[in-house]
N, C-alpha and C. Protein backbone atom coordinates (compact mmCIF):
# COMPACT_ATOMS: atom_id res chain seq x y z
N MET A 1 -68.50 -19.68 35.91
CA MET A 1 -69.22 -20.62 36.58
C MET A 1 -70.80 -19.66 35.89
N PHE A 2 -71.86 -20.02 36.17
CA PHE A 2 -72.91 -18.88 35.20
C PHE A 2 -73.50 -18.77 36.40
N SER A 3 -74.35 -17.16 35.85
CA SER A 3 -74.47 -16.25 35.98
C SER A 3 -76.14 -16.30 36.03
N THR A 4 -76.30 -15.37 37.08
CA THR A 4 -78.31 -15.07 37.68
C THR A 4 -78.88 -15.58 36.31
N PRO A 5 -79.78 -16.55 36.41
CA PRO A 5 -80.81 -15.66 35.13
C PRO A 5 -81.01 -14.73 34.18
N ASP A 6 -81.28 -14.79 32.75
CA ASP A 6 -81.63 -13.41 32.22
C ASP A 6 -82.50 -14.18 30.96
N PRO A 7 -84.14 -14.09 31.15
CA PRO A 7 -84.62 -13.51 31.91
C PRO A 7 -84.55 -14.24 33.66
N ILE A 8 -84.88 -12.92 34.30
CA ILE A 8 -85.54 -14.07 35.47
C ILE A 8 -87.04 -14.40 35.77
N TRP A 9 -88.00 -14.11 35.19
CA TRP A 9 -89.50 -14.38 35.13
C TRP A 9 -89.83 -16.12 34.86
N PRO A 10 -89.20 -16.55 34.04
CA PRO A 10 -89.05 -18.24 34.22
C PRO A 10 -89.38 -18.53 35.25
N VAL A 11 -88.14 -18.30 35.75
CA VAL A 11 -87.54 -19.18 37.35
C VAL A 11 -88.21 -18.69 38.00
N ILE A 12 -88.81 -17.87 38.54
CA ILE A 12 -89.90 -16.64 38.58
C ILE A 12 -90.78 -18.33 38.87
N VAL A 13 -91.57 -18.53 38.10
CA VAL A 13 -92.69 -19.07 37.58
C VAL A 13 -92.67 -20.77 38.31
N LEU A 14 -91.16 -21.18 37.78
CA LEU A 14 -90.80 -21.87 37.65
C LEU A 14 -90.81 -22.79 39.36
N ALA A 15 -89.98 -21.86 40.03
CA ALA A 15 -89.79 -21.88 41.65
C ALA A 15 -91.57 -21.94 42.38
N VAL A 16 -92.89 -21.15 41.47
CA VAL A 16 -93.68 -20.17 42.18
C VAL A 16 -94.58 -22.11 41.84
N VAL A 17 -94.75 -22.63 40.43
CA VAL A 17 -95.30 -23.80 39.95
C VAL A 17 -95.02 -25.39 40.99
N ILE A 18 -93.54 -24.80 41.31
CA ILE A 18 -92.77 -26.27 42.03
C ILE A 18 -93.48 -26.30 44.06
N GLY A 19 -93.12 -24.79 44.06
CA GLY A 19 -93.94 -24.10 45.85
C GLY A 19 -95.33 -25.03 46.05
N SER A 20 -96.06 -24.44 44.70
CA SER A 20 -97.50 -24.97 44.59
C SER A 20 -97.63 -26.58 44.95
N ASP A 21 -97.20 -27.40 44.09
CA ASP A 21 -96.49 -28.60 44.01
C ASP A 21 -96.04 -29.25 45.09
N ALA A 22 -95.50 -28.47 45.97
CA ALA A 22 -94.81 -29.02 47.23
C ALA A 22 -96.15 -29.09 48.60
N LEU A 23 -96.37 -27.96 48.53
CA LEU A 23 -97.24 -27.51 49.20
C LEU A 23 -98.86 -27.66 49.16
N MET A 24 -99.18 -28.82 47.63
CA MET A 24 -100.46 -29.78 47.84
C MET A 24 -99.47 -31.06 48.72
N SER A 25 -99.15 -30.99 47.57
CA SER A 25 -98.49 -33.10 48.07
C SER A 25 -98.23 -32.41 49.79
N ILE A 26 -98.48 -31.63 51.00
CA ILE A 26 -98.52 -31.37 51.84
C ILE A 26 -99.34 -32.90 52.12
N ARG A 27 -101.13 -32.33 52.30
CA ARG A 27 -102.09 -33.32 52.33
C ARG A 27 -102.22 -33.45 50.43
N PRO A 28 -101.80 -34.80 49.62
CA PRO A 28 -101.56 -34.81 48.31
C PRO A 28 -103.31 -35.04 47.95
N PRO A 29 -103.63 -34.60 47.52
CA PRO A 29 -105.38 -34.54 46.77
C PRO A 29 -105.57 -35.70 45.86
N ARG A 30 -106.31 -36.56 44.67
CA ARG A 30 -106.22 -37.46 44.80
C ARG A 30 -105.83 -38.30 43.40
N PHE A 31 -104.97 -36.92 42.62
CA PHE A 31 -104.26 -37.41 41.60
C PHE A 31 -103.27 -37.66 41.43
N ILE A 32 -102.08 -37.27 43.04
CA ILE A 32 -100.91 -36.60 43.38
C ILE A 32 -101.16 -38.20 44.53
N ARG A 33 -102.46 -38.37 45.24
CA ARG A 33 -101.67 -39.92 45.39
C ARG A 33 -102.09 -40.96 44.05
N ASP A 34 -102.64 -41.28 43.32
CA ASP A 34 -102.74 -42.32 42.44
C ASP A 34 -101.67 -42.08 41.95
N CYS A 35 -100.65 -41.05 41.41
CA CYS A 35 -99.84 -40.59 40.84
C CYS A 35 -98.46 -41.73 41.86
N TYR A 36 -98.18 -41.25 43.37
CA TYR A 36 -97.70 -42.05 43.61
C TYR A 36 -97.76 -44.08 43.40
N ALA A 37 -98.68 -43.99 43.86
CA ALA A 37 -99.14 -45.61 44.26
C ALA A 37 -99.14 -45.93 41.98
N GLY A 38 -99.58 -45.13 40.97
CA GLY A 38 -99.12 -45.82 40.14
C GLY A 38 -98.05 -46.33 39.84
N VAL A 39 -97.27 -45.60 40.95
CA VAL A 39 -95.02 -45.93 40.11
C VAL A 39 -94.95 -46.62 41.63
N GLY A 40 -95.59 -46.79 42.51
CA GLY A 40 -95.07 -48.12 43.30
C GLY A 40 -94.93 -46.83 45.06
N PHE A 41 -94.84 -45.34 45.23
CA PHE A 41 -94.11 -44.32 45.61
C PHE A 41 -95.40 -44.72 47.05
N PRO A 42 -94.59 -44.83 48.29
CA PRO A 42 -95.55 -44.97 49.61
C PRO A 42 -95.92 -43.70 49.73
N LEU A 43 -97.03 -43.13 49.72
CA LEU A 43 -97.84 -42.31 50.48
C LEU A 43 -97.33 -42.19 51.85
N GLU A 44 -96.79 -42.83 52.48
CA GLU A 44 -96.36 -42.69 53.56
C GLU A 44 -94.96 -41.54 53.97
N TRP A 45 -93.76 -41.90 52.55
CA TRP A 45 -92.62 -41.00 52.30
C TRP A 45 -93.17 -40.29 51.55
N GLY A 46 -94.14 -39.43 50.92
CA GLY A 46 -94.72 -38.21 50.63
C GLY A 46 -93.92 -37.04 51.29
N TRP A 47 -93.10 -36.97 52.68
CA TRP A 47 -93.33 -35.87 53.46
C TRP A 47 -91.39 -35.66 52.40
N ALA A 48 -91.04 -36.58 51.99
CA ALA A 48 -89.72 -36.40 51.49
C ALA A 48 -89.89 -35.68 50.14
N LEU A 49 -90.70 -35.91 49.48
CA LEU A 49 -90.69 -35.14 48.85
C LEU A 49 -91.68 -34.01 48.35
N VAL A 50 -92.15 -33.26 49.99
CA VAL A 50 -92.43 -31.86 50.00
C VAL A 50 -91.14 -31.19 50.84
N TYR A 51 -90.07 -31.67 51.28
CA TYR A 51 -89.04 -31.00 51.70
C TYR A 51 -87.89 -30.88 50.15
N VAL A 52 -87.83 -32.09 49.17
CA VAL A 52 -87.35 -32.26 47.69
C VAL A 52 -87.70 -31.27 46.70
N LYS A 53 -89.14 -30.45 47.31
CA LYS A 53 -89.68 -29.21 46.24
C LYS A 53 -89.30 -28.66 47.31
N LEU A 54 -89.54 -27.92 48.43
CA LEU A 54 -89.47 -26.93 49.06
C LEU A 54 -87.90 -26.23 49.31
N LEU A 55 -86.73 -27.31 48.89
CA LEU A 55 -85.42 -26.87 48.88
C LEU A 55 -85.79 -26.39 47.31
N ALA A 56 -86.42 -27.47 47.02
CA ALA A 56 -85.63 -26.59 44.87
C ALA A 56 -86.66 -25.30 44.89
N THR A 57 -87.26 -24.99 45.34
CA THR A 57 -88.21 -24.18 45.14
C THR A 57 -87.25 -22.73 46.13
N ALA A 58 -86.74 -22.77 46.84
CA ALA A 58 -86.26 -22.48 48.27
C ALA A 58 -84.16 -22.24 46.78
N GLY A 59 -84.14 -22.45 46.29
CA GLY A 59 -83.03 -22.67 45.67
C GLY A 59 -83.05 -21.62 44.43
N LEU A 60 -84.24 -21.99 43.68
CA LEU A 60 -84.97 -21.29 42.40
C LEU A 60 -84.58 -20.01 42.86
N ILE A 61 -84.90 -19.78 43.97
CA ILE A 61 -85.42 -18.30 44.49
C ILE A 61 -84.44 -17.92 44.89
N VAL A 62 -83.50 -18.15 45.66
CA VAL A 62 -82.64 -18.17 45.97
C VAL A 62 -81.28 -17.36 44.29
N GLY A 63 -81.23 -18.39 44.23
CA GLY A 63 -80.70 -18.19 42.56
C GLY A 63 -80.79 -16.33 42.02
N ILE A 64 -81.85 -15.92 42.06
CA ILE A 64 -82.42 -15.19 41.36
C ILE A 64 -81.13 -14.10 41.63
N TRP A 65 -80.18 -14.42 42.70
CA TRP A 65 -78.97 -12.86 42.53
C TRP A 65 -78.23 -13.61 43.55
N HIS A 66 -77.81 -15.33 43.64
CA HIS A 66 -75.91 -14.84 43.93
C HIS A 66 -76.25 -16.51 42.68
N ASP A 67 -75.33 -16.42 41.96
CA ASP A 67 -73.74 -16.65 40.96
C ASP A 67 -73.79 -18.35 40.84
N GLY A 68 -74.43 -19.74 40.04
CA GLY A 68 -74.86 -20.17 39.79
C GLY A 68 -75.48 -21.49 40.81
N VAL A 69 -76.31 -20.30 41.92
CA VAL A 69 -77.30 -21.94 42.38
C VAL A 69 -79.01 -21.86 42.01
N GLY A 70 -78.80 -20.96 40.95
CA GLY A 70 -80.36 -21.00 39.90
C GLY A 70 -79.76 -22.05 39.13
N VAL A 71 -79.20 -22.19 38.81
CA VAL A 71 -78.96 -23.07 37.62
C VAL A 71 -78.52 -24.57 38.11
N ALA A 72 -77.90 -24.64 39.10
CA ALA A 72 -78.50 -26.03 40.20
C ALA A 72 -79.22 -26.38 40.59
N ALA A 73 -79.95 -24.89 41.06
CA ALA A 73 -81.61 -25.80 41.26
C ALA A 73 -82.29 -26.51 40.23
N THR A 74 -81.90 -25.80 39.40
CA THR A 74 -83.26 -26.61 38.00
C THR A 74 -82.58 -27.10 37.26
N ALA A 75 -81.49 -26.95 37.18
CA ALA A 75 -80.89 -29.66 37.24
C ALA A 75 -81.60 -30.06 37.84
N GLY A 76 -81.38 -28.99 38.79
CA GLY A 76 -82.28 -30.40 39.78
C GLY A 76 -83.75 -30.63 39.56
N VAL A 77 -84.71 -29.82 39.56
CA VAL A 77 -85.57 -29.80 39.08
C VAL A 77 -85.43 -31.25 38.01
N VAL A 78 -84.76 -30.55 36.77
CA VAL A 78 -84.89 -31.28 36.17
C VAL A 78 -84.70 -32.63 36.10
N ALA A 79 -83.69 -33.10 36.69
CA ALA A 79 -83.35 -34.06 37.35
C ALA A 79 -84.22 -35.23 38.49
N TYR A 80 -85.43 -34.25 39.10
CA TYR A 80 -86.29 -35.09 39.50
C TYR A 80 -87.29 -35.52 38.99
N PHE A 81 -87.38 -34.24 38.17
CA PHE A 81 -88.53 -35.73 37.09
C PHE A 81 -88.31 -35.83 35.45
N VAL A 82 -86.69 -36.23 35.71
CA VAL A 82 -86.14 -37.19 35.00
C VAL A 82 -86.42 -38.56 35.35
N ALA A 83 -86.13 -38.68 36.99
CA ALA A 83 -86.33 -39.92 37.64
C ALA A 83 -87.13 -39.80 37.41
N ALA A 84 -88.57 -38.91 37.53
CA ALA A 84 -90.71 -39.27 37.61
C ALA A 84 -90.53 -39.81 37.00
N THR A 85 -89.89 -39.58 35.55
CA THR A 85 -89.83 -40.37 34.00
C THR A 85 -89.41 -41.42 33.27
N ILE A 86 -89.08 -41.44 34.47
CA ILE A 86 -88.14 -42.95 34.41
C ILE A 86 -89.51 -43.80 35.55
N ALA A 87 -89.84 -43.94 36.20
CA ALA A 87 -90.24 -44.33 37.09
C ALA A 87 -91.46 -44.84 36.70
N HIS A 88 -92.19 -43.42 35.83
CA HIS A 88 -93.59 -44.21 35.19
C HIS A 88 -93.47 -45.15 34.20
N LEU A 89 -92.12 -44.99 33.42
CA LEU A 89 -91.57 -46.06 32.75
C LEU A 89 -92.11 -47.13 32.77
N ARG A 90 -90.26 -47.14 34.10
CA ARG A 90 -90.22 -48.38 34.35
C ARG A 90 -91.66 -49.27 35.37
N ALA A 91 -92.42 -48.70 35.95
CA ALA A 91 -93.99 -49.26 36.39
C ALA A 91 -95.36 -49.25 35.61
N ARG A 92 -95.09 -49.04 34.05
CA ARG A 92 -95.53 -48.79 32.83
C ARG A 92 -96.87 -47.82 33.87
N PHE A 93 -97.50 -46.58 34.18
CA PHE A 93 -98.19 -46.06 34.59
C PHE A 93 -98.24 -44.41 33.75
N LEU A 94 -98.35 -45.39 32.38
CA LEU A 94 -98.35 -44.32 31.66
C LEU A 94 -99.81 -43.14 31.36
N GLY A 95 -100.40 -42.78 31.80
CA GLY A 95 -102.57 -43.00 32.04
C GLY A 95 -101.84 -41.40 31.77
N SER A 96 -102.80 -40.26 32.03
CA SER A 96 -102.74 -38.83 31.78
C SER A 96 -101.77 -37.60 32.21
N GLU A 97 -101.54 -38.54 34.29
CA GLU A 97 -100.42 -38.06 34.93
C GLU A 97 -99.66 -38.32 35.00
N PHE A 98 -98.57 -39.04 33.52
CA PHE A 98 -97.84 -39.25 33.17
C PHE A 98 -97.10 -38.53 32.18
N TRP A 99 -98.55 -38.22 31.46
CA TRP A 99 -98.14 -37.36 30.00
C TRP A 99 -98.33 -35.39 29.98
N LEU A 100 -99.58 -35.14 31.47
CA LEU A 100 -99.59 -33.88 31.63
C LEU A 100 -98.46 -33.40 32.55
N ASN A 101 -98.58 -33.95 34.07
CA ASN A 101 -98.24 -33.85 35.09
C ASN A 101 -96.58 -34.12 34.83
N CYS A 102 -96.07 -35.35 34.47
CA CYS A 102 -94.64 -35.63 34.80
C CYS A 102 -94.00 -34.88 33.45
N LEU A 103 -94.54 -35.28 33.01
CA LEU A 103 -93.58 -34.73 31.24
C LEU A 103 -93.73 -33.37 30.84
N GLY A 104 -95.14 -32.78 31.50
CA GLY A 104 -95.20 -30.99 31.49
C GLY A 104 -94.09 -30.58 32.28
N MET A 105 -94.32 -30.87 33.73
CA MET A 105 -93.19 -30.31 34.69
C MET A 105 -91.56 -30.33 34.09
N LEU A 106 -91.42 -31.74 33.45
CA LEU A 106 -89.81 -31.72 32.44
C LEU A 106 -89.88 -30.76 31.60
N ALA A 107 -90.88 -31.49 30.67
CA ALA A 107 -90.72 -29.52 29.94
C ALA A 107 -90.03 -28.54 30.22
N LEU A 108 -91.20 -28.43 31.59
CA LEU A 108 -91.18 -26.51 31.58
C LEU A 108 -89.92 -25.95 32.28
N SER A 109 -89.26 -27.87 33.10
CA SER A 109 -88.09 -27.81 34.30
C SER A 109 -86.57 -27.58 33.01
N LEU A 110 -87.27 -28.08 31.57
CA LEU A 110 -86.00 -27.22 30.57
C LEU A 110 -86.10 -26.33 30.41
N ALA A 111 -87.27 -26.14 29.44
CA ALA A 111 -87.10 -25.07 29.02
C ALA A 111 -86.49 -23.43 29.96
N VAL A 112 -86.76 -23.98 30.88
CA VAL A 112 -86.39 -22.63 32.01
C VAL A 112 -84.70 -22.81 31.98
N LEU A 113 -84.52 -23.64 32.74
CA LEU A 113 -82.52 -23.58 31.75
C LEU A 113 -82.73 -23.96 31.14
N ALA A 114 -83.37 -23.74 29.69
CA ALA A 114 -82.33 -23.43 28.48
C ALA A 114 -82.52 -22.15 28.50
N TRP A 115 -83.78 -21.34 28.26
CA TRP A 115 -84.10 -20.12 28.31
C TRP A 115 -83.33 -18.97 28.71
N SER A 116 -83.54 -19.64 30.51
CA SER A 116 -82.31 -18.10 31.42
C SER A 116 -81.86 -18.89 32.01
N PHE A 117 -80.85 -20.04 31.27
CA PHE A 117 -79.40 -20.02 31.47
C PHE A 117 -78.70 -20.53 30.08
N ALA A 118 -79.27 -20.66 29.41
CA ALA A 118 -77.98 -21.15 28.07
C ALA A 118 -78.13 -20.31 26.68
N PHE A 119 -78.75 -19.81 26.68
CA PHE A 119 -79.58 -19.03 25.62
C PHE A 119 -79.05 -17.79 26.22
């Protein structure tokens, strides 16, 4: 079974970033709306992504104290951004939103998974 994260600060950073993204997505700014439109995701369904991100944030925080929860939440965040990457590639929406936001978040979540749980 996976233990709690060591060190914990990368998980906390990821939780803050994902939680902030969830809060921003409640009333999405232009760059988030443009991203939804670029990949063909309906703006009316944005609430579902807010819940996914809030649940991920909760899982990251709870996982600081409970074995296995943090690694599962971090792996879920990785899966979310892998799916987002696939959506961007399929839609050929490869602007700065893809390179900075999507791949940047995928890299951050992979780094947290590797650093806090694998090494």
